[in-house]
Amino acid sequence: MYVLCGSFVDAKTLFYKLELRSSAWPWNWMIRAFTMMGWFDFALLFYFKMLGCGISPDKYTFPCVIK
């Protein structure tokens, strides 16, 4: 919800408080938010951070990255 309203500070704060970061869907939402705002470099950085944390991309991750 914060992401869709453009409040990235709140979205990022909530993201880091989530215990569900071990699944791909919260990462996908953040990556999608960055691409929606045109921040493609941040989307790619977040994608690589996701991989670095050992999270496997799902079928929704790659389309979010390449938008």
C-alpha atoms as a PDB file:
ATOM      1  CA  MET A   1       0.000   0.000   0.000  1.00  0.00           C
ATOM      2  CA  TYR A   2       2.779   2.452   0.877  1.00  0.00           C
ATOM      3  CA  VAL A   3       4.524   1.669  -2.382  1.00  0.00           C
ATOM      4  CA  LEU A   4       1.467   2.423  -4.479  1.00  0.00           C
ATOM      5  CA  CYS A   5       1.124   5.777  -2.715  1.00  0.00           C
ATOM      6  CA  GLY A   6       4.755   6.600  -3.457  1.00  0.00           C
ATOM      7  CA  SER A   7       5.922   6.491   0.152  1.00  0.00           C
ATOM      8  CA  PHE A   8       9.120   4.534  -0.322  1.00  0.00           C
ATOM      9  CA  VAL A   9      10.521   5.412   3.078  1.00  0.00           C
ATOM     10  CA  ASP A  10       7.528   3.825   4.815  1.00  0.00           C
ATOM     11  CA  ALA A  11       7.489   0.889   2.405  1.00  0.00           C
ATOM     12  CA  LYS A  12      11.176   0.202   2.923  1.00  0.00           C
ATOM     13  CA  THR A  13      10.821   0.491   6.713  1.00  0.00           C
ATOM     14  CA  LEU A  14       7.950  -1.985   6.673  1.00  0.00           C
ATOM     15  CA  PHE A  15       9.832  -4.284   4.313  1.00  0.00           C
ATOM     16  CA  TYR A  16      12.782  -4.574   6.698  1.00  0.00           C
ATOM     17  CA  LYS A  17      10.436  -5.269   9.619  1.00  0.00           C
ATOM     18  CA  LEU A  18       8.712  -8.139   7.789  1.00  0.00           C
ATOM     19  CA  GLU A  19       9.618 -11.623   8.854  1.00  0.00           C
ATOM     20  CA  LEU A  20       8.420 -12.911   5.486  1.00  0.00           C
ATOM     21  CA  ARG A  21      11.461 -11.593   3.636  1.00  0.00           C
ATOM     22  CA  SER A  22      12.467 -15.210   3.130  1.00  0.00           C
ATOM     23  CA  SER A  23       9.918 -15.481   0.316  1.00  0.00           C
ATOM     24  CA  ALA A  24      10.030 -13.702  -3.029  1.00  0.00           C
ATOM     25  CA  TRP A  25       6.736 -11.774  -2.889  1.00  0.00           C
ATOM     26  CA  PRO A  26       7.838  -8.855  -0.656  1.00  0.00           C
ATOM     27  CA  TRP A  27      10.960  -8.468  -2.765  1.00  0.00           C
ATOM     28  CA  ASN A  28       8.834  -8.513  -5.918  1.00  0.00           C
ATOM     29  CA  TRP A  29       6.656  -5.697  -4.581  1.00  0.00           C
ATOM     30  CA  MET A  30       9.644  -3.521  -3.834  1.00  0.00           C
ATOM     31  CA  ILE A  31      11.238  -4.246  -7.218  1.00  0.00           C
ATOM     32  CA  ARG A  32       7.928  -3.528  -8.938  1.00  0.00           C
ATOM     33  CA  ALA A  33       7.605  -0.248  -7.046  1.00  0.00           C
ATOM     34  CA  PHE A  34      11.034   0.887  -8.170  1.00  0.00           C
ATOM     35  CA  THR A  35      10.224   0.085 -11.801  1.00  0.00           C
ATOM     36  CA  MET A  36       6.841   1.815 -11.582  1.00  0.00           C
ATOM     37  CA  MET A  37       8.589   4.993 -10.457  1.00  0.00           C
ATOM     38  CA  GLY A  38      11.227   4.675 -13.181  1.00  0.00           C
ATOM     39  CA  TRP A  39      14.034   3.890 -10.753  1.00  0.00           C
ATOM     40  CA  PHE A  40      15.409   0.993 -12.788  1.00  0.00           C
ATOM     41  CA  ASP A  41      18.873   1.074 -11.230  1.00  0.00           C
ATOM     42  CA  PHE A  42      17.360   0.627  -7.775  1.00  0.00           C
ATOM     43  CA  ALA A  43      15.171  -2.207  -9.056  1.00  0.00           C
ATOM     44  CA  LEU A  44      18.232  -4.046 -10.349  1.00  0.00           C
ATOM     45  CA  LEU A  45      20.174  -3.388  -7.165  1.00  0.00           C
ATOM     46  CA  PHE A  46      17.294  -4.717  -5.097  1.00  0.00           C
ATOM     47  CA  TYR A  47      17.053  -7.779  -7.362  1.00  0.00           C
ATOM     48  CA  PHE A  48      20.739  -8.552  -6.830  1.00  0.00           C
ATOM     49  CA  LYS A  49      20.373  -7.931  -3.098  1.00  0.00           C
ATOM     50  CA  MET A  50      17.534 -10.464  -3.103  1.00  0.00           C
ATOM     51  CA  LEU A  51      19.800 -13.018  -4.788  1.00  0.00           C
ATOM     52  CA  GLY A  52      22.583 -12.192  -2.343  1.00  0.00           C
ATOM     53  CA  CYS A  53      20.249 -12.942   0.565  1.00  0.00           C
ATOM     54  CA  GLY A  54      19.615 -16.397  -0.868  1.00  0.00           C
ATOM     55  CA  ILE A  55      16.053 -15.715  -2.017  1.00  0.00           C
ATOM     56  CA  SER A  56      15.178 -17.562  -5.201  1.00  0.00           C
ATOM     57  CA  PRO A  57      13.244 -15.537  -7.761  1.00  0.00           C
ATOM     58  CA  ASP A  58       9.812 -16.829  -8.695  1.00  0.00           C
ATOM     59  CA  LYS A  59       7.905 -16.520 -11.962  1.00  0.00           C
ATOM     60  CA  TYR A  60       6.873 -12.946 -11.094  1.00  0.00           C
ATOM     61  CA  THR A  61      10.308 -11.592 -10.207  1.00  0.00           C
ATOM     62  CA  PHE A  62      11.928 -11.393 -13.613  1.00  0.00           C
ATOM     63  CA  PRO A  63       8.989  -9.566 -15.302  1.00  0.00           C
ATOM     64  CA  CYS A  64       9.137  -6.993 -12.484  1.00  0.00           C
ATOM     65  CA  VAL A  65      12.847  -6.446 -13.145  1.00  0.00           C
ATOM     66  CA  ILE A  66      12.623  -6.063 -16.918  1.00  0.00           C
ATOM     67  CA  LYS A  67       9.615  -3.716 -17.081  1.00  0.00           C
END
